[in-house]
Amino acid sequence: MRSPVRPGTTLPEGGHVHASDELLDYVSAHGLTMFAYTTLLWGAYSRPAEPLPEHYDHPGTDRRLRALAKVSEELGASPVQVVLAWLIGGHPAVVPIVGVSSVAQLDECLAAAELELPSELRQLLDEAV
């Protein structure tokens, strides 16, 4: 499947779609709940030394990862927790579907539900997108 948002890239799974502004607006306007799969990019936020899959690596990636690192450091939270808290607390809220392979990863993800992003840090992440 070709990416409707990133021409020239092939998405990894047949049903995989990047959330566009139009999709988010539609979800918000119709009071729908959005569920998102691969929100943690197959563990990429936990392994910064490994390259991102090509469909997520683009000119804005470095800016986004720098913002994520800054917010994570300021909050003393992991990048995984910040990403999940940002999704859950956004507008529209996104319900992330996550997969874990250890109890420690599960605990890390569950802690994200308790993480409050101050408005200035949420804005930093929003502007990086």
C-alpha atoms as a PDB file:
ATOM      1  CA  MET A   1       0.000   0.000   0.000  1.00  0.00           C
ATOM      2  CA  ARG A   2       1.330   3.436  -0.922  1.00  0.00           C
ATOM      3  CA  SER A   3       1.231   6.187   1.696  1.00  0.00           C
ATOM      4  CA  PRO A   4      -1.434   8.825   1.018  1.00  0.00           C
ATOM      5  CA  VAL A   5       0.548  11.282   3.149  1.00  0.00           C
ATOM      6  CA  ARG A   6       4.112  10.408   2.133  1.00  0.00           C
ATOM      7  CA  PRO A   7       4.202   9.827  -1.646  1.00  0.00           C
ATOM      8  CA  GLY A   8       6.960   7.515  -2.757  1.00  0.00           C
ATOM      9  CA  THR A   9       6.967   5.420   0.413  1.00  0.00           C
ATOM     10  CA  THR A  10       5.432   2.028   0.919  1.00  0.00           C
ATOM     11  CA  LEU A  11       3.648   1.410   4.191  1.00  0.00           C
ATOM     12  CA  PRO A  12       4.590  -1.755   6.082  1.00  0.00           C
ATOM     13  CA  GLU A  13       1.148  -3.330   6.414  1.00  0.00           C
ATOM     14  CA  GLY A  14      -1.857  -3.477   4.113  1.00  0.00           C
ATOM     15  CA  GLY A  15      -4.157  -1.629   6.513  1.00  0.00           C
ATOM     16  CA  HIS A  16      -1.605   0.853   7.814  1.00  0.00           C
ATOM     17  CA  VAL A  17      -2.540   4.513   7.293  1.00  0.00           C
ATOM     18  CA  HIS A  18      -0.856   7.649   8.591  1.00  0.00           C
ATOM     19  CA  ALA A  19      -3.290   9.925  10.435  1.00  0.00           C
ATOM     20  CA  SER A  20      -3.765  13.030   8.314  1.00  0.00           C
ATOM     21  CA  ASP A  21      -5.141  16.371   9.472  1.00  0.00           C
ATOM     22  CA  GLU A  22      -8.302  15.570   7.524  1.00  0.00           C
ATOM     23  CA  LEU A  23      -8.765  12.258   9.336  1.00  0.00           C
ATOM     24  CA  LEU A  24      -8.245  13.882  12.734  1.00  0.00           C
ATOM     25  CA  ASP A  25     -10.713  16.649  11.846  1.00  0.00           C
ATOM     26  CA  TYR A  26     -13.286  14.052  10.753  1.00  0.00           C
ATOM     27  CA  VAL A  27     -12.895  12.088  13.990  1.00  0.00           C
ATOM     28  CA  SER A  28     -13.267  15.262  16.035  1.00  0.00           C
ATOM     29  CA  ALA A  29     -16.220  16.665  14.067  1.00  0.00           C
ATOM     30  CA  HIS A  30     -18.187  13.416  14.333  1.00  0.00           C
ATOM     31  CA  GLY A  31     -17.414  12.648  17.974  1.00  0.00           C
ATOM     32  CA  LEU A  32     -15.633   9.436  17.067  1.00  0.00           C
ATOM     33  CA  THR A  33     -12.922   7.601  18.938  1.00  0.00           C
ATOM     34  CA  MET A  34      -9.683   7.019  17.099  1.00  0.00           C
ATOM     35  CA  PHE A  35      -7.591   3.956  17.810  1.00  0.00           C
ATOM     36  CA  ALA A  36      -3.992   3.956  16.621  1.00  0.00           C
ATOM     37  CA  TYR A  37      -1.758   0.978  16.041  1.00  0.00           C
ATOM     38  CA  THR A  38       2.066   1.083  15.933  1.00  0.00           C
ATOM     39  CA  THR A  39       2.052   4.277  18.002  1.00  0.00           C
ATOM     40  CA  LEU A  40       5.461   3.326  19.376  1.00  0.00           C
ATOM     41  CA  LEU A  41       6.938   2.572  15.938  1.00  0.00           C
ATOM     42  CA  TRP A  42       7.891  -1.025  16.751  1.00  0.00           C
ATOM     43  CA  GLY A  43       9.985   0.051  19.743  1.00  0.00           C
ATOM     44  CA  ALA A  44      11.920   2.784  17.929  1.00  0.00           C
ATOM     45  CA  TYR A  45      11.493   5.296  20.773  1.00  0.00           C
ATOM     46  CA  SER A  46      13.180   2.822  23.129  1.00  0.00           C
ATOM     47  CA  ARG A  47      16.102   2.205  20.755  1.00  0.00           C
ATOM     48  CA  PRO A  48      17.284   5.630  19.550  1.00  0.00           C
ATOM     49  CA  ALA A  49      20.503   4.203  18.079  1.00  0.00           C
ATOM     50  CA  GLU A  50      18.519   2.196  15.519  1.00  0.00           C
ATOM     51  CA  PRO A  51      17.190   3.959  12.430  1.00  0.00           C
ATOM     52  CA  LEU A  52      13.470   4.562  12.047  1.00  0.00           C
ATOM     53  CA  PRO A  53      11.603   2.669   9.337  1.00  0.00           C
ATOM     54  CA  GLU A  54      11.902   4.683   6.101  1.00  0.00           C
ATOM     55  CA  HIS A  55       8.249   5.744   6.027  1.00  0.00           C
ATOM     56  CA  TYR A  56       8.737   7.541   9.387  1.00  0.00           C
ATOM     57  CA  ASP A  57      12.123   9.055   8.579  1.00  0.00           C
ATOM     58  CA  HIS A  58      11.643  12.334   6.738  1.00  0.00           C
ATOM     59  CA  PRO A  59      12.913  15.950   6.942  1.00  0.00           C
ATOM     60  CA  GLY A  60      10.781  16.721  10.031  1.00  0.00           C
ATOM     61  CA  THR A  61      11.888  13.659  11.991  1.00  0.00           C
ATOM     62  CA  ASP A  62      14.924  15.208  13.697  1.00  0.00           C
ATOM     63  CA  ARG A  63      12.863  18.217  14.854  1.00  0.00           C
ATOM     64  CA  ARG A  64      10.192  15.920  16.288  1.00  0.00           C
ATOM     65  CA  LEU A  65      12.688  13.666  18.052  1.00  0.00           C
ATOM     66  CA  ARG A  66      14.480  16.678  19.573  1.00  0.00           C
ATOM     67  CA  ALA A  67      11.170  17.977  20.952  1.00  0.00           C
ATOM     68  CA  LEU A  68      10.354  14.534  22.319  1.00  0.00           C
ATOM     69  CA  ALA A  69      13.773  14.288  24.000  1.00  0.00           C
ATOM     70  CA  LYS A  70      13.379  17.751  25.556  1.00  0.00           C
ATOM     71  CA  VAL A  71       9.932  16.979  26.964  1.00  0.00           C
ATOM     72  CA  SER A  72      11.036  13.556  28.215  1.00  0.00           C
ATOM     73  CA  GLU A  73      14.014  15.090  30.000  1.00  0.00           C
ATOM     74  CA  GLU A  74      11.967  17.902  31.548  1.00  0.00           C
ATOM     75  CA  LEU A  75       9.353  15.477  32.878  1.00  0.00           C
ATOM     76  CA  GLY A  76      11.753  12.709  33.859  1.00  0.00           C
ATOM     77  CA  ALA A  77       9.652  10.344  31.754  1.00  0.00           C
ATOM     78  CA  SER A  78      10.603   7.971  28.986  1.00  0.00           C
ATOM     79  CA  PRO A  79       9.971   8.934  25.349  1.00  0.00           C
ATOM     80  CA  VAL A  80       7.443   6.075  25.189  1.00  0.00           C
ATOM     81  CA  GLN A  81       5.485   7.571  28.086  1.00  0.00           C
ATOM     82  CA  VAL A  82       5.538  11.042  26.559  1.00  0.00           C
ATOM     83  CA  VAL A  83       4.334   9.807  23.161  1.00  0.00           C
ATOM     84  CA  LEU A  84       1.469   7.874  24.730  1.00  0.00           C
ATOM     85  CA  ALA A  85       0.481  10.742  27.058  1.00  0.00           C
ATOM     86  CA  TRP A  86       0.540  13.151  24.102  1.00  0.00           C
ATOM     87  CA  LEU A  87      -1.782  10.898  22.091  1.00  0.00           C
ATOM     88  CA  ILE A  88      -4.175  10.208  24.965  1.00  0.00           C
ATOM     89  CA  GLY A  89      -4.432  13.857  25.993  1.00  0.00           C
ATOM     90  CA  GLY A  90      -4.658  15.381  22.519  1.00  0.00           C
ATOM     91  CA  HIS A  91      -7.642  16.620  20.581  1.00  0.00           C
ATOM     92  CA  PRO A  92      -9.074  14.418  19.415  1.00  0.00           C
ATOM     93  CA  ALA A  93      -7.839  11.939  21.966  1.00  0.00           C
ATOM     94  CA  VAL A  94      -6.273   8.869  20.426  1.00  0.00           C
ATOM     95  CA  VAL A  95      -6.458   5.459  22.051  1.00  0.00           C
ATOM     96  CA  PRO A  96      -3.080   3.852  21.420  1.00  0.00           C
ATOM     97  CA  ILE A  97      -2.920   0.126  20.828  1.00  0.00           C
ATOM     98  CA  VAL A  98       0.420  -1.034  22.116  1.00  0.00           C
ATOM     99  CA  GLY A  99       2.228  -4.326  22.137  1.00  0.00           C
ATOM    100  CA  VAL A 100       4.750  -5.229  24.794  1.00  0.00           C
ATOM    101  CA  SER A 101       7.103  -8.116  25.312  1.00  0.00           C
ATOM    102  CA  SER A 102       7.837  -7.716  29.021  1.00  0.00           C
ATOM    103  CA  VAL A 103       6.194  -6.680  32.264  1.00  0.00           C
ATOM    104  CA  ALA A 104       8.600  -3.722  32.434  1.00  0.00           C
ATOM    105  CA  GLN A 105       7.357  -2.461  29.064  1.00  0.00           C
ATOM    106  CA  LEU A 106       3.758  -2.898  30.201  1.00  0.00           C
ATOM    107  CA  ASP A 107       4.468  -0.911  33.378  1.00  0.00           C
ATOM    108  CA  GLU A 108       6.125   1.828  31.314  1.00  0.00           C
ATOM    109  CA  CYS A 109       3.102   2.099  29.018  1.00  0.00           C
ATOM    110  CA  LEU A 110       0.588   2.057  31.863  1.00  0.00           C
ATOM    111  CA  ALA A 111       2.460   4.866  33.624  1.00  0.00           C
ATOM    112  CA  ALA A 112       1.824   7.053  30.571  1.00  0.00           C
ATOM    113  CA  ALA A 113      -1.876   7.198  31.486  1.00  0.00           C
ATOM    114  CA  GLU A 114      -0.927   9.072  34.667  1.00  0.00           C
ATOM    115  CA  LEU A 115       1.519  11.444  32.975  1.00  0.00           C
ATOM    116  CA  GLU A 116       0.241  15.013  32.710  1.00  0.00           C
ATOM    117  CA  LEU A 117       1.770  17.106  29.956  1.00  0.00           C
ATOM    118  CA  PRO A 118       1.875  20.785  30.961  1.00  0.00           C
ATOM    119  CA  SER A 119       0.406  23.001  28.241  1.00  0.00           C
ATOM    120  CA  GLU A 120       3.763  24.515  27.252  1.00  0.00           C
ATOM    121  CA  LEU A 121       5.316  21.070  26.739  1.00  0.00           C
ATOM    122  CA  ARG A 122       2.262  19.808  24.833  1.00  0.00           C
ATOM    123  CA  GLN A 123       2.559  22.893  22.636  1.00  0.00           C
ATOM    124  CA  LEU A 124       6.238  22.114  22.004  1.00  0.00           C
ATOM    125  CA  LEU A 125       5.269  18.630  20.793  1.00  0.00           C
ATOM    126  CA  ASP A 126       2.289  19.894  18.788  1.00  0.00           C
ATOM    127  CA  GLU A 127       4.425  22.489  17.002  1.00  0.00           C
ATOM    128  CA  ALA A 128       7.073  19.882  16.162  1.00  0.00           C
ATOM    129  CA  VAL A 129       4.499  17.884  14.218  1.00  0.00           C
END
